[in-house]
PDB file of all heavy atoms in Angstrom:
ATOM      1  N   GLY A   1     -17.339   9.198 -17.564  1.00  0.00           N
ATOM      2  CA  GLY A   1     -18.746   8.844 -17.223  1.00  0.00           C
ATOM      3  C   GLY A   1     -18.869   8.307 -15.833  1.00  0.00           C
ATOM      4  O   GLY A   1     -20.019   8.257 -15.177  1.00  0.00           O
ATOM      5  N   LYS A   2     -17.833   7.871 -15.209  1.00  0.00           N
ATOM      6  CA  LYS A   2     -17.906   7.196 -13.839  1.00  0.00           C
ATOM      7  C   LYS A   2     -17.744   8.359 -12.790  1.00  0.00           C
ATOM      8  O   LYS A   2     -18.166   8.169 -11.675  1.00  0.00           O
ATOM      9  CB  LYS A   2     -16.624   6.323 -13.652  1.00  0.00           C
ATOM     10  CG  LYS A   2     -16.748   5.027 -14.573  1.00  0.00           C
ATOM     11  CD  LYS A   2     -15.582   4.173 -14.250  1.00  0.00           C
ATOM     12  CE  LYS A   2     -15.658   2.917 -15.142  1.00  0.00           C
ATOM     13  NZ  LYS A   2     -14.458   2.086 -15.110  1.00  0.00           N
ATOM     14  N   GLY A   3     -17.253   9.574 -13.110  1.00  0.00           N
ATOM     15  CA  GLY A   3     -17.100  10.538 -12.135  1.00  0.00           C
ATOM     16  C   GLY A   3     -15.783  11.341 -12.407  1.00  0.00           C
ATOM     17  O   GLY A   3     -15.214  11.387 -13.498  1.00  0.00           O
ATOM     18  N   TYR A   4     -15.101  11.676 -11.262  1.00  0.00           N
ATOM     19  CA  TYR A   4     -13.839  12.316 -11.281  1.00  0.00           C
ATOM     20  C   TYR A   4     -12.650  11.281 -10.922  1.00  0.00           C
ATOM     21  O   TYR A   4     -12.723  10.760  -9.700  1.00  0.00           O
ATOM     22  CB  TYR A   4     -13.749  13.520 -10.376  1.00  0.00           C
ATOM     23  CG  TYR A   4     -12.593  14.358 -10.486  1.00  0.00           C
ATOM     24  CD1 TYR A   4     -12.379  15.161 -11.671  1.00  0.00           C
ATOM     25  CD2 TYR A   4     -11.780  14.521  -9.483  1.00  0.00           C
ATOM     26  CE1 TYR A   4     -11.199  15.909 -11.803  1.00  0.00           C
ATOM     27  CE2 TYR A   4     -10.635  15.462  -9.509  1.00  0.00           C
ATOM     28  CZ  TYR A   4     -10.375  16.161 -10.731  1.00  0.00           C
ATOM     29  OH  TYR A   4      -9.404  17.077 -10.842  1.00  0.00           O
ATOM     30  N   VAL A   5     -11.954  10.830 -11.760  1.00  0.00           N
ATOM     31  CA  VAL A   5     -11.031   9.756 -11.562  1.00  0.00           C
ATOM     32  C   VAL A   5      -9.539  10.331 -11.392  1.00  0.00           C
ATOM     33  O   VAL A   5      -9.118  10.847 -12.242  1.00  0.00           O
ATOM     34  CB  VAL A   5     -11.078   8.719 -12.764  1.00  0.00           C
ATOM     35  CG1 VAL A   5     -10.134   7.542 -12.511  1.00  0.00           C
ATOM     36  CG2 VAL A   5     -12.478   8.251 -12.986  1.00  0.00           C
ATOM     37  N   VAL A   6      -8.987   9.955 -10.261  1.00  0.00           N
ATOM     38  CA  VAL A   6      -7.738  10.413  -9.859  1.00  0.00           C
ATOM     39  C   VAL A   6      -6.825   9.172  -9.892  1.00  0.00           C
ATOM     40  O   VAL A   6      -7.074   8.246  -9.105  1.00  0.00           O
ATOM     41  CB  VAL A   6      -7.626  11.181  -8.559  1.00  0.00           C
ATOM     42  CG1 VAL A   6      -6.145  11.516  -8.297  1.00  0.00           C
ATOM     43  CG2 VAL A   6      -8.665  12.429  -8.501  1.00  0.00           C
ATOM     44  N   THR A   7      -5.761   9.225 -10.638  1.00  0.00           N
ATOM     45  CA  THR A   7      -4.790   7.994 -10.653  1.00  0.00           C
ATOM     46  C   THR A   7      -3.446   8.494 -10.152  1.00  0.00           C
ATOM     47  O   THR A   7      -2.879   9.400 -10.761  1.00  0.00           O
ATOM     48  CB  THR A   7      -4.745   7.462 -12.039  1.00  0.00           C
ATOM     49  OG1 THR A   7      -6.064   7.097 -12.535  1.00  0.00           O
ATOM     50  CG2 THR A   7      -3.829   6.240 -12.126  1.00  0.00           C
ATOM     51  N   ILE A   8      -2.932   7.823  -9.206  1.00  0.00           N
ATOM     52  CA  ILE A   8      -1.555   8.110  -8.669  1.00  0.00           C
ATOM     53  C   ILE A   8      -0.686   6.759  -8.922  1.00  0.00           C
ATOM     54  O   ILE A   8      -0.958   5.826  -8.411  1.00  0.00           O
ATOM     55  CB  ILE A   8      -1.701   8.449  -7.176  1.00  0.00           C
ATOM     56  CG1 ILE A   8      -2.535   9.655  -7.073  1.00  0.00           C
ATOM     57  CG2 ILE A   8      -0.188   8.692  -6.720  1.00  0.00           C
ATOM     58  CD1 ILE A   8      -3.067   9.797  -5.632  1.00  0.00           C
ATOM     59  N   HIS A   9       0.376   6.976  -9.648  1.00  0.00           N
ATOM     60  CA  HIS A   9       1.157   5.789 -10.129  1.00  0.00           C
ATOM     61  C   HIS A   9       2.681   6.107  -9.883  1.00  0.00           C
ATOM     62  O   HIS A   9       3.232   7.210 -10.215  1.00  0.00           O
ATOM     63  CB  HIS A   9       1.112   5.557 -11.650  1.00  0.00           C
ATOM     64  CG  HIS A   9       1.878   4.464 -12.158  1.00  0.00           C
ATOM     65  ND1 HIS A   9       1.754   3.075 -11.733  1.00  0.00           N
ATOM     66  CD2 HIS A   9       3.075   4.565 -12.967  1.00  0.00           C
ATOM     67  CE1 HIS A   9       2.661   2.449 -12.412  1.00  0.00           C
ATOM     68  NE2 HIS A   9       3.362   3.196 -13.014  1.00  0.00           N
ATOM     69  N   ASP A  10       3.211   5.148  -9.135  1.00  0.00           N
ATOM     70  CA  ASP A  10       4.705   5.265  -8.918  1.00  0.00           C
ATOM     71  C   ASP A  10       5.428   4.147  -9.525  1.00  0.00           C
ATOM     72  O   ASP A  10       4.777   3.028  -9.850  1.00  0.00           O
ATOM     73  CB  ASP A  10       5.046   5.464  -7.436  1.00  0.00           C
ATOM     74  CG  ASP A  10       4.696   4.137  -6.627  1.00  0.00           C
ATOM     75  OD1 ASP A  10       5.309   3.090  -6.775  1.00  0.00           O
ATOM     76  OD2 ASP A  10       3.797   4.165  -5.786  1.00  0.00           O
ATOM     77  N   HIS A  11       6.748   4.238  -9.585  1.00  0.00           N
ATOM     78  CA  HIS A  11       7.503   3.128 -10.182  1.00  0.00           C
ATOM     79  C   HIS A  11       8.412   2.626  -9.091  1.00  0.00           C
ATOM     80  O   HIS A  11       9.625   2.334  -9.211  1.00  0.00           O
ATOM     81  CB  HIS A  11       8.444   3.615 -11.341  1.00  0.00           C
ATOM     82  CG  HIS A  11       7.524   4.129 -12.369  1.00  0.00           C
ATOM     83  ND1 HIS A  11       7.167   3.296 -13.549  1.00  0.00           N
ATOM     84  CD2 HIS A  11       7.014   5.314 -12.731  1.00  0.00           C
ATOM     85  CE1 HIS A  11       6.458   4.082 -14.336  1.00  0.00           C
ATOM     86  NE2 HIS A  11       6.290   5.286 -13.903  1.00  0.00           N
ATOM     87  N   GLY A  12       7.836   2.482  -7.820  1.00  0.00           N
ATOM     88  CA  GLY A  12       8.641   2.118  -6.656  1.00  0.00           C
ATOM     89  C   GLY A  12       8.678   0.581  -6.411  1.00  0.00           C
ATOM     90  O   GLY A  12       8.543  -0.233  -7.378  1.00  0.00           O
ATOM     91  N   ARG A  13       8.887   0.113  -5.182  1.00  0.00           N
ATOM     92  CA  ARG A  13       9.119  -1.221  -4.875  1.00  0.00           C
ATOM     93  C   ARG A  13       7.903  -2.007  -5.026  1.00  0.00           C
ATOM     94  O   ARG A  13       7.991  -3.271  -5.089  1.00  0.00           O
ATOM     95  CB  ARG A  13       9.753  -1.341  -3.471  1.00  0.00           C
ATOM     96  CG  ARG A  13       8.694  -0.966  -2.278  1.00  0.00           C
ATOM     97  CD  ARG A  13       9.328  -1.599  -1.066  1.00  0.00           C
ATOM     98  NE  ARG A  13       8.278  -2.021  -0.200  1.00  0.00           N
ATOM     99  CZ  ARG A  13       8.051  -1.290   0.982  1.00  0.00           C
ATOM    100  NH1 ARG A  13       8.780  -0.329   1.277  1.00  0.00           N
ATOM    101  NH2 ARG A  13       7.161  -1.655   1.820  1.00  0.00           N
ATOM    102  N   GLY A  14       6.726  -1.444  -4.901  1.00  0.00           N
ATOM    103  CA  GLY A  14       5.553  -2.167  -5.170  1.00  0.00           C
ATOM    104  C   GLY A  14       5.186  -3.075  -3.949  1.00  0.00           C
ATOM    105  O   GLY A  14       5.942  -3.134  -2.874  1.00  0.00           O
ATOM    106  N   MET A  15       4.066  -3.830  -4.077  1.00  0.00           N
ATOM    107  CA  MET A  15       3.631  -4.737  -3.053  1.00  0.00           C
ATOM    108  C   MET A  15       3.401  -6.099  -3.564  1.00  0.00           C
ATOM    109  O   MET A  15       2.983  -6.252  -4.757  1.00  0.00           O
ATOM    110  CB  MET A  15       2.303  -4.206  -2.536  1.00  0.00           C
ATOM    111  CG  MET A  15       2.448  -2.890  -1.765  1.00  0.00           C
ATOM    112  SD  MET A  15       0.856  -2.104  -1.534  1.00  0.00           S
ATOM    113  CE  MET A  15       0.041  -3.259  -0.480  1.00  0.00           C
ATOM    114  N   LYS A  16       3.398  -7.167  -2.725  1.00  0.00           N
ATOM    115  CA  LYS A  16       3.047  -8.544  -3.125  1.00  0.00           C
ATOM    116  C   LYS A  16       1.469  -8.553  -3.424  1.00  0.00           C
ATOM    117  O   LYS A  16       0.795  -7.788  -2.790  1.00  0.00           O
ATOM    118  CB  LYS A  16       3.484  -9.565  -2.112  1.00  0.00           C
ATOM    119  CG  LYS A  16       5.041  -9.675  -1.950  1.00  0.00           C
ATOM    120  CD  LYS A  16       5.303 -10.666  -0.978  1.00  0.00           C
ATOM    121  CE  LYS A  16       5.039 -10.214   0.521  1.00  0.00           C
ATOM    122  NZ  LYS A  16       5.591 -11.048   1.612  1.00  0.00           N
ATOM    123  N   GLN A  17       1.095  -9.442  -4.372  1.00  0.00           N
ATOM    124  CA  GLN A  17      -0.248  -9.455  -4.696  1.00  0.00           C
ATOM    125  C   GLN A  17      -1.166  -9.776  -3.572  1.00  0.00           C
ATOM    126  O   GLN A  17      -2.214  -9.118  -3.433  1.00  0.00           O
ATOM    127  CB  GLN A  17      -0.414 -10.623  -5.800  1.00  0.00           C
ATOM    128  CG  GLN A  17      -1.777 -10.659  -6.509  1.00  0.00           C
ATOM    129  CD  GLN A  17      -2.077  -9.341  -7.335  1.00  0.00           C
ATOM    130  OE1 GLN A  17      -1.126  -8.880  -7.940  1.00  0.00           O
ATOM    131  NE2 GLN A  17      -3.217  -8.935  -7.258  1.00  0.00           N
ATOM    132  N   GLU A  18      -0.780 -10.615  -2.666  1.00  0.00           N
ATOM    133  CA  GLU A  18      -1.641 -10.938  -1.496  1.00  0.00           C
ATOM    134  C   GLU A  18      -1.818  -9.785  -0.631  1.00  0.00           C
ATOM    135  O   GLU A  18      -2.894  -9.539   0.072  1.00  0.00           O
ATOM    136  CB  GLU A  18      -1.204 -12.145  -0.657  1.00  0.00           C
ATOM    137  CG  GLU A  18       0.242 -12.041  -0.172  1.00  0.00           C
ATOM    138  CD  GLU A  18       1.361 -12.596  -1.068  1.00  0.00           C
ATOM    139  OE1 GLU A  18       1.104 -12.534  -2.393  1.00  0.00           O
ATOM    140  OE2 GLU A  18       2.294 -13.022  -0.604  1.00  0.00           O
ATOM    141  N   ASP A  19      -0.762  -8.797  -0.543  1.00  0.00           N
ATOM    142  CA  ASP A  19      -0.960  -7.735   0.328  1.00  0.00           C
ATOM    143  C   ASP A  19      -1.844  -6.717  -0.195  1.00  0.00           C
ATOM    144  O   ASP A  19      -2.445  -5.858   0.587  1.00  0.00           O
ATOM    145  CB  ASP A  19       0.448  -7.084   0.454  1.00  0.00           C
ATOM    146  CG  ASP A  19       1.445  -7.847   1.410  1.00  0.00           C
ATOM    147  OD1 ASP A  19       0.877  -8.671   2.095  1.00  0.00           O
ATOM    148  OD2 ASP A  19       2.702  -7.695   1.289  1.00  0.00           O
ATOM    149  N   THR A  20      -2.026  -6.480  -1.427  1.00  0.00           N
ATOM    150  CA  THR A  20      -2.950  -5.575  -2.049  1.00  0.00           C
ATOM    151  C   THR A  20      -4.523  -5.832  -1.610  1.00  0.00           C
ATOM    152  O   THR A  20      -5.249  -4.831  -1.676  1.00  0.00           O
ATOM    153  CB  THR A  20      -2.900  -5.414  -3.588  1.00  0.00           C
ATOM    154  OG1 THR A  20      -3.411  -6.768  -4.074  1.00  0.00           O
ATOM    155  CG2 THR A  20      -1.486  -5.248  -4.000  1.00  0.00           C
ATOM    156  N   HIS A  21      -4.702  -7.076  -1.213  1.00  0.00           N
ATOM    157  CA  HIS A  21      -6.130  -7.480  -0.671  1.00  0.00           C
ATOM    158  C   HIS A  21      -6.204  -7.230   0.773  1.00  0.00           C
ATOM    159  O   HIS A  21      -7.250  -7.649   1.328  1.00  0.00           O
ATOM    160  CB  HIS A  21      -6.446  -8.830  -1.146  1.00  0.00           C
ATOM    161  CG  HIS A  21      -6.331  -9.051  -2.585  1.00  0.00           C
ATOM    162  ND1 HIS A  21      -7.223  -8.420  -3.478  1.00  0.00           N
ATOM    163  CD2 HIS A  21      -5.568  -9.872  -3.357  1.00  0.00           C
ATOM    164  CE1 HIS A  21      -6.847  -8.729  -4.733  1.00  0.00           C
ATOM    165  NE2 HIS A  21      -5.851  -9.598  -4.701  1.00  0.00           N
ATOM    166  N   ASN A  22      -5.086  -6.885   1.436  1.00  0.00           N
ATOM    167  CA  ASN A  22      -5.188  -6.835   2.970  1.00  0.00           C
ATOM    168  C   ASN A  22      -4.797  -5.555   3.476  1.00  0.00           C
ATOM    169  O   ASN A  22      -4.277  -5.432   4.578  1.00  0.00           O
ATOM    170  CB  ASN A  22      -4.052  -7.923   3.543  1.00  0.00           C
ATOM    171  CG  ASN A  22      -4.485  -9.363   3.075  1.00  0.00           C
ATOM    172  OD1 ASN A  22      -5.546  -9.780   3.323  1.00  0.00           O
ATOM    173  ND2 ASN A  22      -3.580 -10.224   2.682  1.00  0.00           N
ATOM    174  N   ILE A  23      -5.229  -4.476   2.825  1.00  0.00           N
ATOM    175  CA  ILE A  23      -5.134  -3.107   3.328  1.00  0.00           C
ATOM    176  C   ILE A  23      -6.026  -2.981   4.578  1.00  0.00           C
ATOM    177  O   ILE A  23      -7.261  -3.141   4.346  1.00  0.00           O
ATOM    178  CB  ILE A  23      -5.335  -2.058   2.252  1.00  0.00           C
ATOM    179  CG1 ILE A  23      -4.396  -2.199   1.152  1.00  0.00           C
ATOM    180  CG2 ILE A  23      -5.252  -0.632   2.813  1.00  0.00           C
ATOM    181  CD1 ILE A  23      -4.689  -1.366  -0.068  1.00  0.00           C
ATOM    182  N   GLY A  24      -5.452  -2.607   5.626  1.00  0.00           N
ATOM    183  CA  GLY A  24      -6.294  -2.392   6.854  1.00  0.00           C
ATOM    184  C   GLY A  24      -5.540  -1.675   7.932  1.00  0.00           C
ATOM    185  O   GLY A  24      -4.299  -1.382   7.793  1.00  0.00           O
ATOM    186  N   ALA A  25      -6.273  -1.300   8.907  1.00  0.00           N
ATOM    187  CA  ALA A  25      -5.551  -0.558  10.041  1.00  0.00           C
ATOM    188  C   ALA A  25      -4.317  -1.412  10.573  1.00  0.00           C
ATOM    189  O   ALA A  25      -4.592  -2.691  10.838  1.00  0.00           O
ATOM    190  CB  ALA A  25      -6.557  -0.223  11.178  1.00  0.00           C
ATOM    191  N   TYR A  26      -3.249  -0.847  10.867  1.00  0.00           N
ATOM    192  CA  TYR A  26      -2.087  -1.357  11.560  1.00  0.00           C
ATOM    193  C   TYR A  26      -1.316  -2.487  10.643  1.00  0.00           C
ATOM    194  O   TYR A  26      -0.351  -3.000  11.136  1.00  0.00           O
ATOM    195  CB  TYR A  26      -2.482  -2.034  12.832  1.00  0.00           C
ATOM    196  CG  TYR A  26      -3.405  -1.116  13.644  1.00  0.00           C
ATOM    197  CD1 TYR A  26      -4.595  -1.606  13.971  1.00  0.00           C
ATOM    198  CD2 TYR A  26      -2.996   0.070  14.033  1.00  0.00           C
ATOM    199  CE1 TYR A  26      -5.546  -0.949  14.754  1.00  0.00           C
ATOM    200  CE2 TYR A  26      -3.920   0.944  14.647  1.00  0.00           C
ATOM    201  CZ  TYR A  26      -5.122   0.432  15.203  1.00  0.00           C
ATOM    202  OH  TYR A  26      -5.985   1.254  15.776  1.00  0.00           O
ATOM    203  N   ASN A  27      -1.748  -2.530   9.431  1.00  0.00           N
ATOM    204  CA  ASN A  27      -0.941  -3.447   8.497  1.00  0.00           C
ATOM    205  C   ASN A  27       0.242  -2.671   7.893  1.00  0.00           C
ATOM    206  O   ASN A  27       0.136  -1.617   7.298  1.00  0.00           O
ATOM    207  CB  ASN A  27      -1.840  -3.967   7.289  1.00  0.00           C
ATOM    208  CG  ASN A  27      -2.748  -5.090   7.783  1.00  0.00           C
ATOM    209  OD1 ASN A  27      -2.784  -5.566   8.974  1.00  0.00           O
ATOM    210  ND2 ASN A  27      -3.681  -5.385   6.809  1.00  0.00           N
ATOM    211  N   GLN A  28       1.312  -3.351   8.088  1.00  0.00           N
ATOM    212  CA  GLN A  28       2.670  -2.673   7.450  1.00  0.00           C
ATOM    213  C   GLN A  28       3.218  -3.978   6.754  1.00  0.00           C
ATOM    214  O   GLN A  28       3.633  -4.844   7.404  1.00  0.00           O
ATOM    215  CB  GLN A  28       3.577  -2.246   8.537  1.00  0.00           C
ATOM    216  CG  GLN A  28       3.110  -0.939   9.304  1.00  0.00           C
ATOM    217  CD  GLN A  28       3.996  -0.430  10.224  1.00  0.00           C
ATOM    218  OE1 GLN A  28       4.776  -1.124  10.883  1.00  0.00           O
ATOM    219  NE2 GLN A  28       4.073   0.912  10.264  1.00  0.00           N
ATOM    220  N   PHE A  29       3.378  -3.670   5.464  1.00  0.00           N
ATOM    221  CA  PHE A  29       3.858  -4.852   4.592  1.00  0.00           C
ATOM    222  C   PHE A  29       5.187  -5.056   4.540  1.00  0.00           C
ATOM    223  O   PHE A  29       6.067  -3.954   4.379  1.00  0.00           O
ATOM    224  CB  PHE A  29       3.184  -4.685   3.152  1.00  0.00           C
ATOM    225  CG  PHE A  29       1.728  -4.473   3.178  1.00  0.00           C
ATOM    226  CD1 PHE A  29       1.291  -3.232   2.812  1.00  0.00           C
ATOM    227  CD2 PHE A  29       0.915  -5.324   3.718  1.00  0.00           C
ATOM    228  CE1 PHE A  29      -0.147  -3.016   2.924  1.00  0.00           C
ATOM    229  CE2 PHE A  29      -0.398  -5.192   3.796  1.00  0.00           C
ATOM    230  CZ  PHE A  29      -0.924  -3.907   3.328  1.00  0.00           C
ATOM    231  N   ASP A  30       5.804  -6.265   4.623  1.00  0.00           N
ATOM    232  CA  ASP A  30       7.284  -6.473   4.598  1.00  0.00           C
ATOM    233  C   ASP A  30       7.982  -5.731   5.717  1.00  0.00           C
ATOM    234  O   ASP A  30       9.077  -5.189   5.481  1.00  0.00           O
ATOM    235  CB  ASP A  30       7.794  -6.215   3.238  1.00  0.00           C
ATOM    236  CG  ASP A  30       7.273  -7.093   2.145  1.00  0.00           C
ATOM    237  OD1 ASP A  30       7.004  -8.349   2.430  1.00  0.00           O
ATOM    238  OD2 ASP A  30       7.154  -6.693   0.982  1.00  0.00           O
ATOM    239  N   ARG A  31       7.402  -5.669   6.905  1.00  0.00           N
ATOM    240  CA  ARG A  31       8.132  -4.936   7.943  1.00  0.00           C
ATOM    241  C   ARG A  31       9.499  -5.552   8.238  1.00  0.00           C
ATOM    242  O   ARG A  31      10.356  -4.695   8.677  1.00  0.00           O
ATOM    243  CB  ARG A  31       7.235  -4.933   9.209  1.00  0.00           C
ATOM    244  CG  ARG A  31       7.654  -4.141  10.330  1.00  0.00           C
ATOM    245  CD  ARG A  31       7.754  -2.633   9.953  1.00  0.00           C
ATOM    246  NE  ARG A  31       8.387  -1.936  11.154  1.00  0.00           N
ATOM    247  CZ  ARG A  31       7.754  -1.097  11.909  1.00  0.00           C
ATOM    248  NH1 ARG A  31       6.503  -0.958  11.837  1.00  0.00           N
ATOM    249  NH2 ARG A  31       8.452  -0.423  12.808  1.00  0.00           N
ATOM    250  N   GLU A  32       9.731  -6.770   7.957  1.00  0.00           N
ATOM    251  CA  GLU A  32      10.933  -7.286   8.167  1.00  0.00           C
ATOM    252  C   GLU A  32      12.097  -6.888   7.356  1.00  0.00           C
ATOM    253  O   GLU A  32      13.264  -6.971   7.731  1.00  0.00           O
ATOM    254  CB  GLU A  32      10.851  -8.967   8.205  1.00  0.00           C
ATOM    255  CG  GLU A  32      10.648  -9.518   6.962  1.00  0.00           C
ATOM    256  CD  GLU A  32       9.098  -9.571   6.677  1.00  0.00           C
ATOM    257  OE1 GLU A  32       8.358  -8.836   7.268  1.00  0.00           O
ATOM    258  OE2 GLU A  32       8.811 -10.541   5.891  1.00  0.00           O
ATOM    259  N   PHE A  33      11.723  -6.309   6.277  1.00  0.00           N
ATOM    260  CA  PHE A  33      12.654  -5.831   5.275  1.00  0.00           C
ATOM    261  C   PHE A  33      12.725  -4.241   5.247  1.00  0.00           C
ATOM    262  O   PHE A  33      13.764  -3.698   4.757  1.00  0.00           O
ATOM    263  CB  PHE A  33      12.410  -6.444   3.647  1.00  0.00           C
ATOM    264  CG  PHE A  33      12.361  -7.786   3.812  1.00  0.00           C
ATOM    265  CD1 PHE A  33      11.256  -8.602   3.600  1.00  0.00           C
ATOM    266  CD2 PHE A  33      13.604  -8.503   3.992  1.00  0.00           C
ATOM    267  CE1 PHE A  33      11.284 -10.042   3.549  1.00  0.00           C
ATOM    268  CE2 PHE A  33      13.742  -9.911   3.879  1.00  0.00           C
ATOM    269  CZ  PHE A  33      12.512 -10.685   3.769  1.00  0.00           C
ATOM    270  N   TYR A  34      11.573  -3.586   5.545  1.00  0.00           N
ATOM    271  CA  TYR A  34      11.472  -2.117   5.366  1.00  0.00           C
ATOM    272  C   TYR A  34      10.949  -1.593   6.634  1.00  0.00           C
ATOM    273  O   TYR A  34       9.981  -2.089   7.229  1.00  0.00           O
ATOM    274  CB  TYR A  34      10.519  -1.724   4.266  1.00  0.00           C
ATOM    275  CG  TYR A  34      10.930  -2.417   2.911  1.00  0.00           C
ATOM    276  CD1 TYR A  34      10.257  -3.584   2.509  1.00  0.00           C
ATOM    277  CD2 TYR A  34      11.906  -1.802   2.201  1.00  0.00           C
ATOM    278  CE1 TYR A  34      10.596  -3.954   1.282  1.00  0.00           C
ATOM    279  CE2 TYR A  34      12.233  -2.238   0.857  1.00  0.00           C
ATOM    280  CZ  TYR A  34      11.554  -3.477   0.433  1.00  0.00           C
ATOM    281  OH  TYR A  34      11.961  -3.993  -0.753  1.00  0.00           O
ATOM    282  N   GLU A  35      11.640  -0.503   7.195  1.00  0.00           N
ATOM    283  CA  GLU A  35      11.246   0.273   8.358  1.00  0.00           C
ATOM    284  C   GLU A  35      10.205   1.288   7.937  1.00  0.00           C
ATOM    285  O   GLU A  35      10.577   2.234   7.276  1.00  0.00           O
ATOM    286  CB  GLU A  35      12.395   0.823   9.108  1.00  0.00           C
ATOM    287  CG  GLU A  35      12.090   1.571  10.340  1.00  0.00           C
ATOM    288  CD  GLU A  35      11.458   0.685  11.316  1.00  0.00           C
ATOM    289  OE1 GLU A  35      11.923  -0.427  11.426  1.00  0.00           O
ATOM    290  OE2 GLU A  35      10.440   1.155  11.953  1.00  0.00           O
ATOM    291  N   HIS A  36       9.021   1.086   8.280  1.00  0.00           N
ATOM    292  CA  HIS A  36       7.860   2.093   7.842  1.00  0.00           C
ATOM    293  C   HIS A  36       7.758   3.280   8.745  1.00  0.00           C
ATOM    294  O   HIS A  36       7.267   4.305   8.419  1.00  0.00           O
ATOM    295  CB  HIS A  36       6.647   1.304   7.764  1.00  0.00           C
ATOM    296  CG  HIS A  36       6.517   0.324   6.691  1.00  0.00           C
ATOM    297  ND1 HIS A  36       5.394  -0.001   5.871  1.00  0.00           N
ATOM    298  CD2 HIS A  36       7.521  -0.304   5.944  1.00  0.00           C
ATOM    299  CE1 HIS A  36       5.622  -0.835   4.966  1.00  0.00           C
ATOM    300  NE2 HIS A  36       6.975  -1.053   5.041  1.00  0.00           N
ATOM    301  N   GLN A  37       8.091   3.149  10.026  1.00  0.00           N
ATOM    302  CA  GLN A  37       7.903   4.212  10.983  1.00  0.00           C
ATOM    303  C   GLN A  37       6.382   4.647  11.134  1.00  0.00           C
ATOM    304  O   GLN A  37       6.087   5.728  10.612  1.00  0.00           O
ATOM    305  CB  GLN A  37       8.725   5.330  10.572  1.00  0.00           C
ATOM    306  CG  GLN A  37      10.203   5.160  10.651  1.00  0.00           C
ATOM    307  CD  GLN A  37      10.718   4.837  11.917  1.00  0.00           C
ATOM    308  OE1 GLN A  37      10.026   5.054  13.063  1.00  0.00           O
ATOM    309  NE2 GLN A  37      12.089   4.470  12.153  1.00  0.00           N
ATOM    310  N   GLY A  38       5.592   3.822  11.702  1.00  0.00           N
ATOM    311  CA  GLY A  38       4.160   4.309  11.765  1.00  0.00           C
ATOM    312  C   GLY A  38       3.310   3.050  12.052  1.00  0.00           C
ATOM    313  O   GLY A  38       3.816   1.959  12.297  1.00  0.00           O
ATOM    314  N   LEU A  39       1.989   3.350  12.102  1.00  0.00           N
ATOM    315  CA  LEU A  39       1.004   2.161  12.499  1.00  0.00           C
ATOM    316  C   LEU A  39       0.499   1.621  11.283  1.00  0.00           C
ATOM    317  O   LEU A  39      -0.350   0.752  11.321  1.00  0.00           O
ATOM    318  CB  LEU A  39       0.019   2.853  13.445  1.00  0.00           C
ATOM    319  CG  LEU A  39       0.480   3.271  14.839  1.00  0.00           C
ATOM    320  CD1 LEU A  39      -0.660   3.842  15.597  1.00  0.00           C
ATOM    321  CD2 LEU A  39       1.131   2.055  15.647  1.00  0.00           C
ATOM    322  N   GLY A  40       0.821   2.027   9.969  1.00  0.00           N
ATOM    323  CA  GLY A  40       0.201   1.523   8.834  1.00  0.00           C
ATOM    324  C   GLY A  40      -1.340   2.058   8.616  1.00  0.00           C
ATOM    325  O   GLY A  40      -2.098   1.255   8.096  1.00  0.00           O
ATOM    326  N   LEU A  41      -1.578   3.257   9.020  1.00  0.00           N
ATOM    327  CA  LEU A  41      -2.906   3.676   8.992  1.00  0.00           C
ATOM    328  C   LEU A  41      -3.090   4.561   7.687  1.00  0.00           C
ATOM    329  O   LEU A  41      -4.286   4.742   7.267  1.00  0.00           O
ATOM    330  CB  LEU A  41      -3.211   4.695  10.079  1.00  0.00           C
ATOM    331  CG  LEU A  41      -3.442   3.995  11.517  1.00  0.00           C
ATOM    332  CD1 LEU A  41      -3.516   4.873  12.622  1.00  0.00           C
ATOM    333  CD2 LEU A  41      -4.553   2.999  11.473  1.00  0.00           C
TER     334      LEU A  41
END
């Protein structure tokens, strides 16, 4: 009833709760622990 709903679920390392609210340009979460190779876009 809402439309076409696409759900993508992985069982990976996940994100901290506070990071899920801070998605934005150039944000790379836990960069000190993980090498992301990019601008976080």
